[in-house]
């Protein structure tokens, strides 16, 4: 089953942001070693900060990309946060493609 993961925030969960950042890193690094990978990860809202310069999880995201996981980021969100020219891994897209990806996915998990 093809799985799409939606990452809507640069933290995992709500509450303590420091803990949430640590948990996001752990989550993404665990995905790297799992046998079954998601087909793609879609980043929007502050989740786009994870694919840009300065992110603490670029190592994990680069590994996932090398393993064939498609990384898609919302262009409007990148522009909003001033990150359009700072993307290190993955690619910029638009809401048309993101809507198509989400509605066409067999399985969607929101983080």
PDB file of N, CA and C in Angstrom:
ATOM      1  N   UNK A   1       0.845  -1.185   0.000  1.00  0.00           N
ATOM      2  CA  UNK A   1       0.000   0.000   0.000  1.00  0.00           C
ATOM      3  C   UNK A   1       0.886   1.242   0.000  1.00  0.00           C
ATOM      4  N   UNK A   2       0.643   2.142  -0.939  1.00  0.00           N
ATOM      5  CA  UNK A   2       1.408   3.385  -1.031  1.00  0.00           C
ATOM      6  C   UNK A   2       0.938   4.352   0.054  1.00  0.00           C
ATOM      7  N   UNK A   3       1.862   4.804   0.850  1.00  0.00           N
ATOM      8  CA  UNK A   3       1.530   5.688   1.961  1.00  0.00           C
ATOM      9  C   UNK A   3       2.100   7.082   1.707  1.00  0.00           C
ATOM     10  N   UNK A   4       1.308   8.090   2.029  1.00  0.00           N
ATOM     11  CA  UNK A   4       1.729   9.483   1.974  1.00  0.00           C
ATOM     12  C   UNK A   4       1.678  10.033   3.393  1.00  0.00           C
ATOM     13  N   UNK A   5       2.762  10.659   3.819  1.00  0.00           N
ATOM     14  CA  UNK A   5       2.813  11.283   5.134  1.00  0.00           C
ATOM     15  C   UNK A   5       2.738  12.791   4.953  1.00  0.00           C
ATOM     16  N   UNK A   6       1.878  13.429   5.728  1.00  0.00           N
ATOM     17  CA  UNK A   6       1.745  14.888   5.723  1.00  0.00           C
ATOM     18  C   UNK A   6       2.429  15.432   6.963  1.00  0.00           C
ATOM     19  N   UNK A   7       3.393  16.311   6.768  1.00  0.00           N
ATOM     20  CA  UNK A   7       4.050  16.966   7.902  1.00  0.00           C
ATOM     21  C   UNK A   7       3.659  18.431   7.853  1.00  0.00           C
ATOM     22  N   UNK A   8       2.863  18.841   8.817  1.00  0.00           N
ATOM     23  CA  UNK A   8       2.259  20.168   8.818  1.00  0.00           C
ATOM     24  C   UNK A   8       2.940  21.147   9.758  1.00  0.00           C
ATOM     25  N   UNK A   9       3.920  20.678  10.493  1.00  0.00           N
ATOM     26  CA  UNK A   9       4.593  21.503  11.494  1.00  0.00           C
ATOM     27  C   UNK A   9       6.044  21.036  11.615  1.00  0.00           C
ATOM     28  N   UNK A  10       6.918  21.923  12.037  1.00  0.00           N
ATOM     29  CA  UNK A  10       8.313  21.518  12.203  1.00  0.00           C
ATOM     30  C   UNK A  10       8.551  20.831  13.544  1.00  0.00           C
ATOM     31  N   UNK A  11       7.494  20.635  14.323  1.00  0.00           N
ATOM     32  CA  UNK A  11       7.579  19.906  15.580  1.00  0.00           C
ATOM     33  C   UNK A  11       6.646  18.705  15.524  1.00  0.00           C
ATOM     34  N   UNK A  12       6.964  17.670  16.260  1.00  0.00           N
ATOM     35  CA  UNK A  12       6.124  16.481  16.344  1.00  0.00           C
ATOM     36  C   UNK A  12       5.234  16.641  17.572  1.00  0.00           C
ATOM     37  N   UNK A  13       3.948  16.777  17.355  1.00  0.00           N
ATOM     38  CA  UNK A  13       3.017  16.937  18.467  1.00  0.00           C
ATOM     39  C   UNK A  13       2.919  18.371  18.948  1.00  0.00           C
ATOM     40  N   UNK A  14       2.100  18.559  19.964  1.00  0.00           N
ATOM     41  CA  UNK A  14       1.886  19.889  20.544  1.00  0.00           C
ATOM     42  C   UNK A  14       2.366  19.896  21.982  1.00  0.00           C
ATOM     43  N   UNK A  15       2.762  21.048  22.420  1.00  0.00           N
ATOM     44  CA  UNK A  15       3.230  21.184  23.793  1.00  0.00           C
ATOM     45  C   UNK A  15       4.595  21.831  23.806  1.00  0.00           C
ATOM     46  N   UNK A  16       5.566  21.111  24.284  1.00  0.00           N
ATOM     47  CA  UNK A  16       6.927  21.623  24.396  1.00  0.00           C
ATOM     48  C   UNK A  16       7.618  21.570  23.028  1.00  0.00           C
ATOM     49  N   UNK A  17       7.996  22.741  22.483  1.00  0.00           N
ATOM     50  CA  UNK A  17       8.603  22.802  21.158  1.00  0.00           C
ATOM     51  C   UNK A  17       9.967  22.124  21.105  1.00  0.00           C
ATOM     52  N   UNK A  18      10.738  22.226  22.154  1.00  0.00           N
ATOM     53  CA  UNK A  18      12.052  21.576  22.181  1.00  0.00           C
ATOM     54  C   UNK A  18      11.900  20.054  22.103  1.00  0.00           C
ATOM     55  N   UNK A  19      10.982  19.529  22.870  1.00  0.00           N
ATOM     56  CA  UNK A  19      10.703  18.099  22.824  1.00  0.00           C
ATOM     57  C   UNK A  19      10.135  17.715  21.452  1.00  0.00           C
ATOM     58  N   UNK A  20       9.242  18.535  20.927  1.00  0.00           N
ATOM     59  CA  UNK A  20       8.643  18.264  19.623  1.00  0.00           C
ATOM     60  C   UNK A  20       9.669  18.213  18.507  1.00  0.00           C
ATOM     61  N   UNK A  21      10.670  19.092  18.549  1.00  0.00           N
ATOM     62  CA  UNK A  21      11.743  19.077  17.550  1.00  0.00           C
ATOM     63  C   UNK A  21      12.567  17.798  17.664  1.00  0.00           C
ATOM     64  N   UNK A  22      12.847  17.401  18.893  1.00  0.00           N
ATOM     65  CA  UNK A  22      13.604  16.165  19.122  1.00  0.00           C
ATOM     66  C   UNK A  22      12.810  14.958  18.613  1.00  0.00           C
ATOM     67  N   UNK A  23      11.526  14.918  18.908  1.00  0.00           N
ATOM     68  CA  UNK A  23      10.676  13.810  18.466  1.00  0.00           C
ATOM     69  C   UNK A  23      10.579  13.738  16.947  1.00  0.00           C
ATOM     70  N   UNK A  24      10.517  14.898  16.277  1.00  0.00           N
ATOM     71  CA  UNK A  24      10.461  14.914  14.816  1.00  0.00           C
ATOM     72  C   UNK A  24      11.729  14.286  14.242  1.00  0.00           C
ATOM     73  N   UNK A  25      12.876  14.641  14.804  1.00  0.00           N
ATOM     74  CA  UNK A  25      14.133  14.058  14.354  1.00  0.00           C
ATOM     75  C   UNK A  25      14.160  12.554  14.551  1.00  0.00           C
ATOM     76  N   UNK A  26      13.704  12.108  15.706  1.00  0.00           N
ATOM     77  CA  UNK A  26      13.668  10.662  15.979  1.00  0.00           C
ATOM     78  C   UNK A  26      12.735   9.967  14.989  1.00  0.00           C
ATOM     79  N   UNK A  27      11.560  10.540  14.776  1.00  0.00           N
ATOM     80  CA  UNK A  27      10.583   9.956  13.846  1.00  0.00           C
ATOM     81  C   UNK A  27      11.173   9.803  12.446  1.00  0.00           C
ATOM     82  N   UNK A  28      11.767  10.873  11.915  1.00  0.00           N
ATOM     83  CA  UNK A  28      12.298  10.824  10.552  1.00  0.00           C
ATOM     84  C   UNK A  28      13.475   9.861  10.439  1.00  0.00           C
ATOM     85  N   UNK A  29      14.313   9.805  11.455  1.00  0.00           N
ATOM     86  CA  UNK A  29      15.444   8.871  11.421  1.00  0.00           C
ATOM     87  C   UNK A  29      14.979   7.423  11.526  1.00  0.00           C
ATOM     88  N   UNK A  30      13.908   7.173  12.251  1.00  0.00           N
ATOM     89  CA  UNK A  30      13.344   5.815  12.325  1.00  0.00           C
ATOM     90  C   UNK A  30      12.740   5.406  10.985  1.00  0.00           C
ATOM     91  N   UNK A  31      12.147   6.359  10.268  1.00  0.00           N
ATOM     92  CA  UNK A  31      11.629   6.050   8.940  1.00  0.00           C
ATOM     93  C   UNK A  31      12.750   5.560   8.017  1.00  0.00           C
ATOM     94  N   UNK A  32      13.941   6.121   8.190  1.00  0.00           N
ATOM     95  CA  UNK A  32      15.093   5.756   7.345  1.00  0.00           C
ATOM     96  C   UNK A  32      15.445   4.279   7.457  1.00  0.00           C
ATOM     97  N   UNK A  33      15.230   3.692   8.615  1.00  0.00           N
ATOM     98  CA  UNK A  33      15.643   2.299   8.829  1.00  0.00           C
ATOM     99  C   UNK A  33      14.472   1.313   8.750  1.00  0.00           C
ATOM    100  N   UNK A  34      13.287   1.814   8.520  1.00  0.00           N
ATOM    101  CA  UNK A  34      12.136   0.931   8.379  1.00  0.00           C
ATOM    102  C   UNK A  34      12.177   0.252   7.018  1.00  0.00           C
ATOM    103  N   UNK A  35      11.746  -0.982   6.993  1.00  0.00           N
ATOM    104  CA  UNK A  35      11.731  -1.724   5.735  1.00  0.00           C
ATOM    105  C   UNK A  35      10.745  -1.111   4.744  1.00  0.00           C
ATOM    106  N   UNK A  36       9.562  -0.783   5.231  1.00  0.00           N
ATOM    107  CA  UNK A  36       8.538  -0.205   4.366  1.00  0.00           C
ATOM    108  C   UNK A  36       8.526   1.314   4.544  1.00  0.00           C
ATOM    109  N   UNK A  37       8.909   2.010   3.500  1.00  0.00           N
ATOM    110  CA  UNK A  37       8.977   3.475   3.517  1.00  0.00           C
ATOM    111  C   UNK A  37       7.688   4.062   2.941  1.00  0.00           C
ATOM    112  N   UNK A  38       7.384   5.296   3.301  1.00  0.00           N
ATOM    113  CA  UNK A  38       6.269   5.964   2.623  1.00  0.00           C
ATOM    114  C   UNK A  38       6.671   6.257   1.175  1.00  0.00           C
ATOM    115  N   UNK A  39       5.700   6.381   0.318  1.00  0.00           N
ATOM    116  CA  UNK A  39       5.978   6.733  -1.073  1.00  0.00           C
ATOM    117  C   UNK A  39       6.417   8.191  -1.160  1.00  0.00           C
ATOM    118  N   UNK A  40       5.767   9.014  -0.340  1.00  0.00           N
ATOM    119  CA  UNK A  40       6.104  10.441  -0.364  1.00  0.00           C
ATOM    120  C   UNK A  40       5.806  11.072   0.986  1.00  0.00           C
ATOM    121  N   UNK A  41       6.462  12.207   1.204  1.00  0.00           N
ATOM    122  CA  UNK A  41       6.182  13.043   2.367  1.00  0.00           C
ATOM    123  C   UNK A  41       5.883  14.435   1.827  1.00  0.00           C
ATOM    124  N   UNK A  42       4.753  14.985   2.250  1.00  0.00           N
ATOM    125  CA  UNK A  42       4.332  16.315   1.834  1.00  0.00           C
ATOM    126  C   UNK A  42       4.493  17.250   3.029  1.00  0.00           C
ATOM    127  N   UNK A  43       5.169  18.361   2.803  1.00  0.00           N
ATOM    128  CA  UNK A  43       5.424  19.344   3.856  1.00  0.00           C
ATOM    129  C   UNK A  43       4.636  20.604   3.561  1.00  0.00           C
ATOM    130  N   UNK A  44       3.883  21.075   4.554  1.00  0.00           N
ATOM    131  CA  UNK A  44       3.224  22.366   4.405  1.00  0.00           C
ATOM    132  C   UNK A  44       3.149  23.063   5.746  1.00  0.00           C
ATOM    133  N   UNK A  45       2.699  24.321   5.710  1.00  0.00           N
ATOM    134  CA  UNK A  45       2.763  25.221   6.849  1.00  0.00           C
ATOM    135  C   UNK A  45       4.200  25.221   7.375  1.00  0.00           C
ATOM    136  N   UNK A  46       4.426  25.240   8.684  1.00  0.00           N
ATOM    137  CA  UNK A  46       5.811  25.332   9.179  1.00  0.00           C
ATOM    138  C   UNK A  46       6.602  24.047   8.973  1.00  0.00           C
ATOM    139  N   UNK A  47       5.952  22.990   8.487  1.00  0.00           N
ATOM    140  CA  UNK A  47       6.671  21.767   8.165  1.00  0.00           C
ATOM    141  C   UNK A  47       7.726  21.982   7.092  1.00  0.00           C
ATOM    142  N   UNK A  48       7.535  22.997   6.232  1.00  0.00           N
ATOM    143  CA  UNK A  48       8.512  23.261   5.174  1.00  0.00           C
ATOM    144  C   UNK A  48       9.876  23.679   5.735  1.00  0.00           C
ATOM    145  N   UNK A  49       9.903  24.134   6.967  1.00  0.00           N
ATOM    146  CA  UNK A  49      11.180  24.526   7.577  1.00  0.00           C
ATOM    147  C   UNK A  49      12.134  23.340   7.699  1.00  0.00           C
ATOM    148  N   UNK A  50      11.597  22.133   7.691  1.00  0.00           N
ATOM    149  CA  UNK A  50      12.426  20.938   7.855  1.00  0.00           C
ATOM    150  C   UNK A  50      13.296  20.638   6.642  1.00  0.00           C
ATOM    151  N   UNK A  51      12.903  21.102   5.455  1.00  0.00           N
ATOM    152  CA  UNK A  51      13.664  20.789   4.245  1.00  0.00           C
ATOM    153  C   UNK A  51      14.634  21.901   3.844  1.00  0.00           C
ATOM    154  N   UNK A  52      14.689  22.951   4.657  1.00  0.00           N
ATOM    155  CA  UNK A  52      15.477  24.133   4.297  1.00  0.00           C
ATOM    156  C   UNK A  52      16.779  24.240   5.103  1.00  0.00           C
ATOM    157  N   UNK A  53      17.658  25.097   4.612  1.00  0.00           N
ATOM    158  CA  UNK A  53      18.921  25.377   5.300  1.00  0.00           C
ATOM    159  C   UNK A  53      18.675  25.598   6.789  1.00  0.00           C
ATOM    160  N   UNK A  54      19.543  25.027   7.611  1.00  0.00           N
ATOM    161  CA  UNK A  54      19.456  25.201   9.048  1.00  0.00           C
ATOM    162  C   UNK A  54      18.638  24.139   9.767  1.00  0.00           C
ATOM    163  N   UNK A  55      17.948  23.295   9.017  1.00  0.00           N
ATOM    164  CA  UNK A  55      17.147  22.247   9.637  1.00  0.00           C
ATOM    165  C   UNK A  55      18.045  21.187  10.259  1.00  0.00           C
ATOM    166  N   UNK A  56      17.658  20.703  11.424  1.00  0.00           N
ATOM    167  CA  UNK A  56      18.417  19.662  12.115  1.00  0.00           C
ATOM    168  C   UNK A  56      18.123  18.259  11.593  1.00  0.00           C
ATOM    169  N   UNK A  57      17.204  18.134  10.645  1.00  0.00           N
ATOM    170  CA  UNK A  57      16.830  16.804  10.157  1.00  0.00           C
ATOM    171  C   UNK A  57      17.164  16.593   8.681  1.00  0.00           C
ATOM    172  N   UNK A  58      18.013  17.432   8.131  1.00  0.00           N
ATOM    173  CA  UNK A  58      18.371  17.303   6.718  1.00  0.00           C
ATOM    174  C   UNK A  58      19.050  15.974   6.424  1.00  0.00           C
ATOM    175  N   UNK A  59      19.811  15.457   7.388  1.00  0.00           N
ATOM    176  CA  UNK A  59      20.472  14.161   7.184  1.00  0.00           C
ATOM    177  C   UNK A  59      19.435  13.065   6.952  1.00  0.00           C
ATOM    178  N   UNK A  60      18.416  13.033   7.787  1.00  0.00           N
ATOM    179  CA  UNK A  60      17.369  12.017   7.659  1.00  0.00           C
ATOM    180  C   UNK A  60      16.579  12.207   6.371  1.00  0.00           C
ATOM    181  N   UNK A  61      16.245  13.438   6.037  1.00  0.00           N
ATOM    182  CA  UNK A  61      15.462  13.689   4.831  1.00  0.00           C
ATOM    183  C   UNK A  61      16.271  13.376   3.579  1.00  0.00           C
ATOM    184  N   UNK A  62      17.555  13.672   3.589  1.00  0.00           N
ATOM    185  CA  UNK A  62      18.419  13.319   2.453  1.00  0.00           C
ATOM    186  C   UNK A  62      18.491  11.813   2.285  1.00  0.00           C
ATOM    187  N   UNK A  63      18.597  11.097   3.393  1.00  0.00           N
ATOM    188  CA  UNK A  63      18.620   9.633   3.348  1.00  0.00           C
ATOM    189  C   UNK A  63      17.313   9.102   2.773  1.00  0.00           C
ATOM    190  N   UNK A  64      16.199   9.634   3.240  1.00  0.00           N
ATOM    191  CA  UNK A  64      14.899   9.186   2.729  1.00  0.00           C
ATOM    192  C   UNK A  64      14.778   9.464   1.227  1.00  0.00           C
ATOM    193  N   UNK A  65      15.226  10.642   0.800  1.00  0.00           N
ATOM    194  CA  UNK A  65      15.188  10.967  -0.630  1.00  0.00           C
ATOM    195  C   UNK A  65      16.055   9.992  -1.418  1.00  0.00           C
ATOM    196  N   UNK A  66      17.236   9.678  -0.894  1.00  0.00           N
ATOM    197  CA  UNK A  66      18.130   8.719  -1.552  1.00  0.00           C
ATOM    198  C   UNK A  66      17.513   7.326  -1.613  1.00  0.00           C
ATOM    199  N   UNK A  67      16.635   7.033  -0.673  1.00  0.00           N
ATOM    200  CA  UNK A  67      15.962   5.728  -0.625  1.00  0.00           C
ATOM    201  C   UNK A  67      14.702   5.700  -1.489  1.00  0.00           C
ATOM    202  N   UNK A  68      14.426   6.803  -2.180  1.00  0.00           N
ATOM    203  CA  UNK A  68      13.303   6.835  -3.109  1.00  0.00           C
ATOM    204  C   UNK A  68      12.032   7.473  -2.601  1.00  0.00           C
ATOM    205  N   UNK A  69      12.071   8.062  -1.408  1.00  0.00           N
ATOM    206  CA  UNK A  69      10.882   8.745  -0.880  1.00  0.00           C
ATOM    207  C   UNK A  69      10.818  10.132  -1.526  1.00  0.00           C
ATOM    208  N   UNK A  70       9.680  10.445  -2.131  1.00  0.00           N
ATOM    209  CA  UNK A  70       9.496  11.749  -2.755  1.00  0.00           C
ATOM    210  C   UNK A  70       9.165  12.775  -1.678  1.00  0.00           C
ATOM    211  N   UNK A  71       9.891  13.895  -1.675  1.00  0.00           N
ATOM    212  CA  UNK A  71       9.684  14.966  -0.699  1.00  0.00           C
ATOM    213  C   UNK A  71       9.126  16.178  -1.438  1.00  0.00           C
ATOM    214  N   UNK A  72       7.910  16.579  -1.065  1.00  0.00           N
ATOM    215  CA  UNK A  72       7.198  17.654  -1.758  1.00  0.00           C
ATOM    216  C   UNK A  72       6.871  18.761  -0.758  1.00  0.00           C
ATOM    217  N   UNK A  73       7.216  19.989  -1.101  1.00  0.00           N
ATOM    218  CA  UNK A  73       6.968  21.121  -0.204  1.00  0.00           C
ATOM    219  C   UNK A  73       6.049  22.152  -0.850  1.00  0.00           C
ATOM    220  N   UNK A  74       5.190  22.715  -0.056  1.00  0.00           N
ATOM    221  CA  UNK A  74       4.261  23.762  -0.485  1.00  0.00           C
ATOM    222  C   UNK A  74       5.033  25.043  -0.815  1.00  0.00           C
ATOM    223  N   UNK A  75       4.934  25.486  -2.065  1.00  0.00           N
ATOM    224  CA  UNK A  75       5.627  26.696  -2.491  1.00  0.00           C
ATOM    225  C   UNK A  75       5.112  27.950  -1.797  1.00  0.00           C
ATOM    226  N   UNK A  76       3.814  28.033  -1.574  1.00  0.00           N
ATOM    227  CA  UNK A  76       3.238  29.187  -0.873  1.00  0.00           C
ATOM    228  C   UNK A  76       3.808  29.273   0.542  1.00  0.00           C
ATOM    229  N   UNK A  77       3.947  28.128   1.185  1.00  0.00           N
ATOM    230  CA  UNK A  77       4.482  28.076   2.548  1.00  0.00           C
ATOM    231  C   UNK A  77       5.961  28.458   2.564  1.00  0.00           C
ATOM    232  N   UNK A  78       6.719  27.953   1.598  1.00  0.00           N
ATOM    233  CA  UNK A  78       8.139  28.316   1.503  1.00  0.00           C
ATOM    234  C   UNK A  78       8.291  29.821   1.319  1.00  0.00           C
ATOM    235  N   UNK A  79       7.457  30.404   0.464  1.00  0.00           N
ATOM    236  CA  UNK A  79       7.499  31.851   0.240  1.00  0.00           C
ATOM    237  C   UNK A  79       7.142  32.599   1.516  1.00  0.00           C
ATOM    238  N   UNK A  80       6.113  32.166   2.204  1.00  0.00           N
ATOM    239  CA  UNK A  80       5.670  32.809   3.443  1.00  0.00           C
ATOM    240  C   UNK A  80       6.787  32.880   4.480  1.00  0.00           C
ATOM    241  N   UNK A  81       7.554  31.797   4.610  1.00  0.00           N
ATOM    242  CA  UNK A  81       8.623  31.740   5.607  1.00  0.00           C
ATOM    243  C   UNK A  81       9.967  32.223   5.056  1.00  0.00           C
ATOM    244  N   UNK A  82       9.996  32.732   3.826  1.00  0.00           N
ATOM    245  CA  UNK A  82      11.233  33.240   3.235  1.00  0.00           C
ATOM    246  C   UNK A  82      12.241  32.140   2.940  1.00  0.00           C
ATOM    247  N   UNK A  83      11.763  30.964   2.581  1.00  0.00           N
ATOM    248  CA  UNK A  83      12.636  29.809   2.385  1.00  0.00           C
ATOM    249  C   UNK A  83      12.687  29.313   0.937  1.00  0.00           C
ATOM    250  N   UNK A  84      12.072  30.025   0.032  1.00  0.00           N
ATOM    251  CA  UNK A  84      11.974  29.548  -1.346  1.00  0.00           C
ATOM    252  C   UNK A  84      13.336  29.227  -1.957  1.00  0.00           C
ATOM    253  N   UNK A  85      14.342  30.017  -1.660  1.00  0.00           N
ATOM    254  CA  UNK A  85      15.679  29.795  -2.215  1.00  0.00           C
ATOM    255  C   UNK A  85      16.610  29.068  -1.243  1.00  0.00           C
ATOM    256  N   UNK A  86      16.041  28.505  -0.179  1.00  0.00           N
ATOM    257  CA  UNK A  86      16.854  27.830   0.837  1.00  0.00           C
ATOM    258  C   UNK A  86      16.542  26.331   0.954  1.00  0.00           C
ATOM    259  N   UNK A  87      15.793  25.799  -0.006  1.00  0.00           N
ATOM    260  CA  UNK A  87      15.444  24.377   0.006  1.00  0.00           C
ATOM    261  C   UNK A  87      16.698  23.553  -0.266  1.00  0.00           C
ATOM    262  N   UNK A  88      16.970  22.590   0.612  1.00  0.00           N
ATOM    263  CA  UNK A  88      18.148  21.741   0.490  1.00  0.00           C
ATOM    264  C   UNK A  88      17.794  20.380  -0.094  1.00  0.00           C
ATOM    265  N   UNK A  89      16.654  19.857   0.288  1.00  0.00           N
ATOM    266  CA  UNK A  89      16.246  18.528  -0.158  1.00  0.00           C
ATOM    267  C   UNK A  89      14.762  18.563  -0.492  1.00  0.00           C
ATOM    268  N   UNK A  90      14.362  17.775  -1.486  1.00  0.00           N
ATOM    269  CA  UNK A  90      12.972  17.781  -1.904  1.00  0.00           C
ATOM    270  C   UNK A  90      12.736  18.821  -2.974  1.00  0.00           C
ATOM    271  N   UNK A  91      11.469  19.030  -3.273  1.00  0.00           N
ATOM    272  CA  UNK A  91      11.136  19.984  -4.320  1.00  0.00           C
ATOM    273  C   UNK A  91       9.904  20.809  -3.952  1.00  0.00           C
ATOM    274  N   UNK A  92       9.838  21.969  -4.539  1.00  0.00           N
ATOM    275  CA  UNK A  92       8.727  22.896  -4.352  1.00  0.00           C
ATOM    276  C   UNK A  92       7.573  22.458  -5.245  1.00  0.00           C
ATOM    277  N   UNK A  93       6.380  22.594  -4.730  1.00  0.00           N
ATOM    278  CA  UNK A  93       5.194  22.292  -5.512  1.00  0.00           C
ATOM    279  C   UNK A  93       4.127  23.336  -5.212  1.00  0.00           C
ATOM    280  N   UNK A  94       2.923  23.062  -5.665  1.00  0.00           N
ATOM    281  CA  UNK A  94       1.817  23.979  -5.420  1.00  0.00           C
ATOM    282  C   UNK A  94       0.633  23.209  -4.841  1.00  0.00           C
ATOM    283  N   UNK A  95      -0.368  23.956  -4.425  1.00  0.00           N
ATOM    284  CA  UNK A  95      -1.513  23.323  -3.766  1.00  0.00           C
ATOM    285  C   UNK A  95      -2.314  22.444  -4.725  1.00  0.00           C
ATOM    286  N   UNK A  96      -2.254  22.729  -6.018  1.00  0.00           N
ATOM    287  CA  UNK A  96      -2.931  21.875  -6.997  1.00  0.00           C
ATOM    288  C   UNK A  96      -2.363  20.459  -6.933  1.00  0.00           C
ATOM    289  N   UNK A  97      -1.026  20.345  -6.965  1.00  0.00           N
ATOM    290  CA  UNK A  97      -0.407  19.023  -6.889  1.00  0.00           C
ATOM    291  C   UNK A  97      -0.621  18.390  -5.518  1.00  0.00           C
ATOM    292  N   UNK A  98      -0.490  19.184  -4.468  1.00  0.00           N
ATOM    293  CA  UNK A  98      -0.659  18.650  -3.114  1.00  0.00           C
ATOM    294  C   UNK A  98      -2.072  18.103  -2.931  1.00  0.00           C
ATOM    295  N   UNK A  99      -3.075  18.830  -3.404  1.00  0.00           N
ATOM    296  CA  UNK A  99      -4.459  18.352  -3.313  1.00  0.00           C
ATOM    297  C   UNK A  99      -4.627  17.059  -4.104  1.00  0.00           C
ATOM    298  N   UNK A 100      -4.006  16.990  -5.267  1.00  0.00           N
ATOM    299  CA  UNK A 100      -4.084  15.795  -6.093  1.00  0.00           C
ATOM    300  C   UNK A 100      -3.400  14.605  -5.418  1.00  0.00           C
ATOM    301  N   UNK A 101      -2.240  14.853  -4.826  1.00  0.00           N
ATOM    302  CA  UNK A 101      -1.496  13.792  -4.133  1.00  0.00           C
ATOM    303  C   UNK A 101      -2.305  13.259  -2.954  1.00  0.00           C
ATOM    304  N   UNK A 102      -2.862  14.167  -2.158  1.00  0.00           N
ATOM    305  CA  UNK A 102      -3.613  13.750  -0.968  1.00  0.00           C
ATOM    306  C   UNK A 102      -4.871  12.985  -1.358  1.00  0.00           C
ATOM    307  N   UNK A 103      -5.619  13.499  -2.318  1.00  0.00           N
ATOM    308  CA  UNK A 103      -6.874  12.826  -2.677  1.00  0.00           C
ATOM    309  C   UNK A 103      -6.646  11.539  -3.453  1.00  0.00           C
ATOM    310  N   UNK A 104      -5.475  11.412  -4.080  1.00  0.00           N
ATOM    311  CA  UNK A 104      -5.185  10.197  -4.837  1.00  0.00           C
ATOM    312  C   UNK A 104      -4.421   9.134  -4.065  1.00  0.00           C
ATOM    313  N   UNK A 105      -4.009   9.455  -2.851  1.00  0.00           N
ATOM    314  CA  UNK A 105      -3.214   8.510  -2.055  1.00  0.00           C
ATOM    315  C   UNK A 105      -4.085   7.389  -1.516  1.00  0.00           C
ATOM    316  N   UNK A 106      -3.496   6.195  -1.442  1.00  0.00           N
ATOM    317  CA  UNK A 106      -4.203   5.049  -0.866  1.00  0.00           C
ATOM    318  C   UNK A 106      -4.311   5.182   0.653  1.00  0.00           C
ATOM    319  N   UNK A 107      -3.273   5.757   1.256  1.00  0.00           N
ATOM    320  CA  UNK A 107      -3.194   5.855   2.718  1.00  0.00           C
ATOM    321  C   UNK A 107      -2.488   7.152   3.066  1.00  0.00           C
ATOM    322  N   UNK A 108      -3.111   7.997   3.885  1.00  0.00           N
ATOM    323  CA  UNK A 108      -2.543   9.284   4.282  1.00  0.00           C
ATOM    324  C   UNK A 108      -2.405   9.319   5.795  1.00  0.00           C
ATOM    325  N   UNK A 109      -1.214   9.685   6.260  1.00  0.00           N
ATOM    326  CA  UNK A 109      -0.949   9.810   7.693  1.00  0.00           C
ATOM    327  C   UNK A 109      -0.495  11.231   7.943  1.00  0.00           C
ATOM    328  N   UNK A 110      -1.159  11.930   8.852  1.00  0.00           N
ATOM    329  CA  UNK A 110      -0.780  13.300   9.200  1.00  0.00           C
ATOM    330  C   UNK A 110       0.034  13.280  10.478  1.00  0.00           C
ATOM    331  N   UNK A 111       1.195  13.927  10.422  1.00  0.00           N
ATOM    332  CA  UNK A 111       2.064  14.029  11.598  1.00  0.00           C
ATOM    333  C   UNK A 111       1.970  15.430  12.155  1.00  0.00           C
TER     334      UNK A 111
END
